[in-house]
Amino acid sequence: MATIRSVLHEATDDLHRHGLPSPRLDAEVLLCRYLGTDRTHLYAHPEEIVGKDVVRGFMEWVGRRQRQEPVAYIVGEKEFWSIPFSVDRHVLIPRADTEILVEEAIRVAKAGCDILDVGTGSGAVAVALSRELPRARVVATDRSIAAAVTAAGNAKRAGVADRVLIVVADLLESLRGPFDVIVSNPPYIPEDEFEGLPPGVREYEPKEALWAPGDGTAVHRRLISDAPSILKDGGWLLMEMGDRQAKRLTDVLQADGRYDRIDIRKDYGGRDRVVKARRMEITHG
């Protein structure tokens, strides 16, 4: 009969043969989720019998992983900012690097401020900010109805649905503001780099959330151009970016003439990750 040890061994071997980078970890995560347990249980009870139906369903999941489908889509969940988020193929899987965007937004936000999250996807950034800044009012937009539904579900799951308003909109379309902080993790993979992405990203995650025309900064440029109309004087624009886009975006922000205090924040791998700039305060008199 199959045991936890034997099914993990078989799944790990299968994933290894298909070239997955972390076969044992993937097998453990998938089995934990299928059994509704944690990895400690797997280690403590390796000889526990696993029923045929469980083995069959689990190995179907392993088959999906063999085809490069991300684990987060298989189990339907990904943790971000220590909060579990439901995810599916309509939304980008939240990345740890994007937590830098949340950190920087918290640095500049004030109690009771108005925050806009543009292109919210799963709602990860908006929900994380609402949890950290309970007096803030957060609006989160996405052009995808399916993504907006997922984000709304995640806001409810996290207990912040009363503080996060989900709006179906293309970037800043139809938004009046004014906002104290605008954050965005826009698509920024350049055209010539898209085909070089890992197959699990390229073939499964929504292309419109990854790819941007030309050098990958087209959406950033639109936000830089349009954000001042709905930013309060002294309000902040923060955007995630690719690691070779800092100079380009800094130049665009400087040339715009309506921003100051332009700065770049690196991620924990030392790569340029977030660009932020303040809407200049208008002095009167």
Protein backbone atom coordinates (compact mmCIF):
# COMPACT_ATOMS: atom_id res chain seq x y z
CA MET A 1 0.00 0.00 0.00
CA ALA A 2 1.10 3.57 -0.65
CA THR A 3 2.55 5.59 2.21
CA ILE A 4 3.47 9.26 2.55
CA ARG A 5 7.11 8.27 2.09
CA SER A 6 6.49 6.22 -1.06
CA VAL A 7 4.23 8.71 -2.84
CA LEU A 8 6.62 11.56 -2.05
CA HIS A 9 9.53 9.51 -3.42
CA GLU A 10 7.64 8.71 -6.63
CA ALA A 11 6.49 12.30 -7.13
CA THR A 12 9.95 13.71 -6.45
CA ASP A 13 11.51 11.33 -8.99
CA ASP A 14 8.87 12.24 -11.59
CA LEU A 15 9.42 15.97 -11.13
CA HIS A 16 13.20 15.56 -11.15
CA ARG A 17 13.05 13.68 -14.47
CA HIS A 18 11.07 16.58 -15.94
CA GLY A 19 13.75 19.07 -14.91
CA LEU A 20 11.84 20.96 -12.21
CA PRO A 21 14.25 23.00 -10.07
CA SER A 22 12.87 22.01 -6.63
CA PRO A 23 11.19 18.61 -7.08
CA ARG A 24 11.14 17.53 -3.43
CA LEU A 25 9.77 20.84 -2.16
CA ASP A 26 7.12 20.91 -4.89
CA ALA A 27 6.06 17.35 -4.06
CA GLU A 28 5.81 18.14 -0.36
CA VAL A 29 3.81 21.34 -0.89
CA LEU A 30 1.39 19.61 -3.25
CA LEU A 31 0.88 16.62 -0.95
CA CYS A 32 0.41 18.84 2.10
CA ARG A 33 -2.26 20.81 0.30
CA TYR A 34 -3.98 17.69 -1.01
CA LEU A 35 -4.03 16.10 2.46
CA GLY A 36 -4.91 19.36 4.22
CA THR A 37 -1.90 19.11 6.50
CA ASP A 38 1.57 20.63 6.91
CA ARG A 39 5.11 19.48 6.15
CA THR A 40 5.77 18.66 9.82
CA HIS A 41 3.07 15.99 9.55
CA LEU A 42 4.77 14.49 6.49
CA TYR A 43 8.09 14.23 8.34
CA ALA A 44 6.51 12.86 11.52
CA HIS A 45 4.34 10.22 9.83
CA PRO A 46 6.22 8.91 6.76
CA GLU A 47 4.63 5.44 7.01
CA GLU A 48 1.05 6.74 7.16
CA ILE A 49 -1.11 4.96 4.60
CA VAL A 50 -2.41 7.09 1.73
CA GLY A 51 -5.65 6.00 0.09
CA LYS A 52 -5.89 5.19 -3.62
CA ASP A 53 -8.15 8.15 -4.38
CA VAL A 54 -5.72 10.52 -2.69
CA VAL A 55 -2.77 9.03 -4.58
CA ARG A 56 -4.64 9.36 -7.87
CA GLY A 57 -5.63 12.99 -7.26
CA PHE A 58 -2.20 13.93 -5.95
CA MET A 59 -0.43 12.38 -8.95
CA GLU A 60 -2.75 14.36 -11.25
CA TRP A 61 -1.44 17.49 -9.55
CA VAL A 62 2.12 16.21 -9.99
CA GLY A 63 1.36 15.74 -13.70
CA ARG A 64 0.30 19.37 -13.94
CA ARG A 65 3.53 20.43 -12.26
CA GLN A 66 5.50 18.27 -14.71
CA ARG A 67 4.01 20.43 -17.46
CA GLN A 68 5.48 23.51 -15.71
CA GLU A 69 2.20 24.79 -14.26
CA PRO A 70 3.08 26.90 -11.19
CA VAL A 71 2.38 25.31 -7.81
CA ALA A 72 0.35 28.38 -6.79
CA TYR A 73 -2.14 27.78 -9.61
CA ILE A 74 -2.37 24.06 -8.85
CA VAL A 75 -3.20 24.62 -5.18
CA GLY A 76 -5.06 27.88 -5.88
CA GLU A 77 -3.18 29.94 -3.32
CA LYS A 78 -0.04 32.01 -2.73
CA GLU A 79 1.15 33.76 0.41
CA PHE A 80 2.13 37.42 0.22
CA TRP A 81 2.94 39.69 3.16
CA SER A 82 2.13 36.65 5.39
CA ILE A 83 -1.43 36.71 4.03
CA PRO A 84 -2.86 33.81 1.96
CA PHE A 85 -4.28 34.91 -1.41
CA SER A 86 -6.46 32.93 -3.76
CA VAL A 87 -4.95 32.91 -7.26
CA ASP A 88 -5.86 31.51 -10.64
CA ARG A 89 -4.69 32.01 -14.21
CA HIS A 90 -6.55 35.33 -14.48
CA VAL A 91 -4.08 36.98 -12.08
CA LEU A 92 -0.33 37.24 -11.71
CA ILE A 93 1.12 35.17 -8.89
CA PRO A 94 2.29 37.60 -6.16
CA ARG A 95 6.08 37.71 -5.80
CA ALA A 96 8.17 38.39 -2.72
CA ASP A 97 9.94 41.22 -4.58
CA THR A 98 6.64 43.11 -4.75
CA GLU A 99 6.66 43.36 -0.95
CA ILE A 100 9.26 46.12 -1.51
CA LEU A 101 6.46 48.17 -3.13
CA VAL A 102 4.32 47.68 -0.02
CA GLU A 103 7.21 48.63 2.27
CA GLU A 104 7.87 51.86 0.39
CA ALA A 105 4.19 52.80 0.30
CA ILE A 106 3.97 52.36 4.07
CA ARG A 107 6.98 54.66 4.46
CA VAL A 108 5.29 57.57 2.68
CA ALA A 109 1.66 56.97 3.69
CA LYS A 110 0.03 58.86 6.52
CA ALA A 111 -2.77 57.72 8.81
CA GLY A 112 -6.16 58.10 7.18
CA CYS A 113 -4.72 58.61 3.71
CA ASP A 114 -6.27 57.75 0.36
CA ILE A 115 -4.38 55.08 -1.60
CA LEU A 116 -4.86 53.87 -5.17
CA ASP A 117 -3.50 50.50 -6.35
CA VAL A 118 -3.45 50.41 -10.17
CA GLY A 119 -3.60 46.99 -11.82
CA THR A 120 -4.35 45.17 -8.59
CA GLY A 121 -4.57 41.61 -9.98
CA SER A 122 -5.11 39.33 -6.99
CA GLY A 123 -5.39 42.39 -4.74
CA ALA A 124 -2.18 41.49 -2.90
CA VAL A 125 -0.74 45.01 -2.63
CA ALA A 126 -4.07 46.67 -1.82
CA VAL A 127 -4.97 44.11 0.85
CA ALA A 128 -1.50 44.21 2.42
CA LEU A 129 -1.63 48.01 2.62
CA SER A 130 -5.11 47.95 4.12
CA ARG A 131 -3.99 45.47 6.77
CA GLU A 132 -0.96 47.59 7.67
CA LEU A 133 -2.79 50.94 7.45
CA PRO A 134 -6.26 50.24 8.88
CA ARG A 135 -7.32 53.90 8.75
CA ALA A 136 -6.42 54.26 5.07
CA ARG A 137 -9.03 54.22 2.32
CA VAL A 138 -7.85 52.00 -0.53
CA VAL A 139 -9.14 51.90 -4.11
CA ALA A 140 -7.85 49.06 -6.30
CA THR A 141 -8.36 48.92 -10.06
CA ASP A 142 -7.95 46.30 -12.75
CA ARG A 143 -9.11 46.21 -16.36
CA SER A 144 -9.92 42.48 -16.03
CA ILE A 145 -13.32 41.67 -14.55
CA ALA A 146 -12.05 38.21 -13.56
CA ALA A 147 -9.10 39.75 -11.72
CA ALA A 148 -11.39 42.25 -9.97
CA VAL A 149 -13.59 39.39 -8.76
CA THR A 150 -10.53 37.57 -7.41
CA ALA A 151 -9.27 40.73 -5.69
CA ALA A 152 -12.66 41.34 -4.08
CA GLY A 153 -12.70 37.77 -2.79
CA ASN A 154 -9.23 38.18 -1.32
CA ALA A 155 -10.17 41.45 0.37
CA LYS A 156 -13.14 39.71 1.97
CA ARG A 157 -11.02 36.73 2.98
CA ALA A 158 -8.49 39.04 4.65
CA GLY A 159 -11.21 40.95 6.51
CA VAL A 160 -10.65 44.28 4.76
CA ALA A 161 -13.52 44.33 2.25
CA ASP A 162 -15.02 47.37 4.00
CA ARG A 163 -11.78 49.34 3.46
CA VAL A 164 -10.81 48.27 -0.08
CA LEU A 165 -12.96 49.36 -3.02
CA ILE A 166 -12.41 47.28 -6.17
CA VAL A 167 -13.05 49.11 -9.46
CA VAL A 168 -12.93 47.73 -13.01
CA ALA A 169 -10.94 50.36 -14.92
CA ASP A 170 -8.03 50.69 -17.33
CA LEU A 171 -5.24 52.36 -15.34
CA LEU A 172 -6.54 55.76 -14.11
CA GLU A 173 -9.61 55.83 -16.33
CA SER A 174 -12.68 57.48 -14.71
CA LEU A 175 -10.90 57.99 -11.37
CA ARG A 176 -11.20 61.39 -9.74
CA GLY A 177 -9.15 61.17 -6.57
CA PRO A 178 -7.42 62.99 -5.14
CA PHE A 179 -5.09 60.37 -3.70
CA ASP A 180 -2.18 60.67 -1.30
CA VAL A 181 -0.42 57.60 -2.69
CA ILE A 182 -0.65 55.77 -6.02
CA VAL A 183 1.04 52.37 -6.23
CA SER A 184 1.31 50.04 -9.19
CA ASN A 185 3.00 46.83 -10.24
CA PRO A 186 2.43 47.30 -13.98
CA PRO A 187 3.53 44.94 -16.76
CA TYR A 188 7.19 45.65 -17.51
CA ILE A 189 8.70 42.69 -19.40
CA PRO A 190 10.02 44.07 -22.73
CA GLU A 191 8.90 42.52 -26.01
CA ASP A 192 12.30 41.01 -26.74
CA GLU A 193 12.52 39.31 -23.33
CA PHE A 194 9.08 37.71 -23.13
CA GLU A 195 9.98 34.52 -25.01
CA GLY A 196 12.97 34.03 -22.71
CA LEU A 197 10.83 33.81 -19.58
CA PRO A 198 10.58 30.43 -17.81
CA PRO A 199 7.80 28.32 -19.38
CA GLY A 200 5.87 28.26 -16.11
CA VAL A 201 5.59 32.05 -16.32
CA ARG A 202 5.33 32.48 -20.09
CA GLU A 203 2.73 29.78 -20.71
CA TYR A 204 0.54 30.08 -17.61
CA GLU A 205 0.51 33.58 -16.16
CA PRO A 206 -1.59 36.28 -17.88
CA LYS A 207 0.52 37.89 -20.61
CA GLU A 208 -1.21 41.25 -20.21
CA ALA A 209 0.05 41.40 -16.60
CA LEU A 210 3.64 40.69 -17.64
CA TRP A 211 4.40 42.13 -21.06
CA ALA A 212 4.58 45.77 -22.10
CA PRO A 213 5.39 47.12 -25.59
CA GLY A 214 8.86 48.23 -26.57
CA ASP A 215 11.30 48.60 -23.70
CA GLY A 216 8.71 47.56 -21.10
CA THR A 217 8.05 51.03 -19.67
CA ALA A 218 5.00 52.01 -21.72
CA VAL A 219 2.55 51.63 -18.82
CA HIS A 220 4.88 53.41 -16.41
CA ARG A 221 5.05 56.35 -18.82
CA ARG A 222 1.25 56.58 -18.98
CA LEU A 223 1.05 56.57 -15.20
CA ILE A 224 3.75 59.23 -14.89
CA SER A 225 1.87 61.41 -17.37
CA ASP A 226 -1.62 60.93 -15.91
CA ALA A 227 -1.05 60.52 -12.16
CA PRO A 228 -0.55 64.21 -11.28
CA SER A 229 -4.15 64.96 -12.25
CA ILE A 230 -5.42 62.78 -9.37
CA LEU A 231 -2.51 63.05 -6.92
CA LYS A 232 -2.68 65.54 -4.08
CA ASP A 233 0.13 68.10 -3.89
CA GLY A 234 2.91 66.25 -2.10
CA GLY A 235 1.35 62.89 -2.97
CA TRP A 236 3.46 59.94 -4.05
CA LEU A 237 3.65 57.71 -7.12
CA LEU A 238 5.36 54.34 -6.57
CA MET A 239 5.85 51.74 -9.31
CA GLU A 240 7.54 48.37 -9.49
CA MET A 241 9.90 48.04 -12.46
CA GLY A 242 12.42 45.79 -14.16
CA ASP A 243 16.01 45.87 -12.98
CA ARG A 244 17.28 47.77 -16.05
CA GLN A 245 14.58 50.42 -16.20
CA ALA A 246 15.59 52.77 -13.36
CA LYS A 247 17.57 55.28 -15.44
CA ARG A 248 14.89 55.44 -18.13
CA LEU A 249 12.08 56.06 -15.66
CA THR A 250 14.09 58.53 -13.60
CA ASP A 251 14.73 60.52 -16.78
CA VAL A 252 11.01 60.46 -17.69
CA LEU A 253 10.01 61.64 -14.21
CA GLN A 254 12.56 64.46 -14.26
CA ALA A 255 11.55 65.55 -17.75
CA ASP A 256 7.87 65.63 -16.76
CA GLY A 257 8.58 68.56 -14.44
CA ARG A 258 5.81 67.86 -11.93
CA TYR A 259 7.73 65.50 -9.64
CA ASP A 260 10.51 65.83 -7.09
CA ARG A 261 12.21 63.55 -4.54
CA ILE A 262 12.68 60.85 -7.16
CA ASP A 263 14.25 57.73 -5.68
CA ILE A 264 14.99 54.08 -6.47
CA ARG A 265 14.60 51.19 -4.01
CA LYS A 266 16.44 47.94 -4.58
CA ASP A 267 15.02 44.53 -3.72
CA TYR A 268 16.80 42.16 -1.35
CA GLY A 269 18.66 40.65 -4.28
CA GLY A 270 20.27 44.02 -4.99
CA ARG A 271 18.22 44.73 -8.14
CA ASP A 272 16.47 48.04 -8.82
CA ARG A 273 12.82 47.25 -8.04
CA VAL A 274 10.72 50.31 -7.14
CA VAL A 275 10.81 53.87 -8.42
CA LYS A 276 9.03 56.53 -6.38
CA ALA A 277 8.47 60.23 -6.88
CA ARG A 278 6.51 62.97 -5.14
CA ARG A 279 4.02 65.25 -6.84
CA MET A 280 5.51 68.69 -6.32
CA GLU A 281 3.79 70.83 -3.74
CA ILE A 282 2.41 74.02 -5.22
CA THR A 283 3.36 77.07 -3.19
CA HIS A 284 0.84 79.88 -3.10
CA GLY A 285 1.46 83.57 -2.69
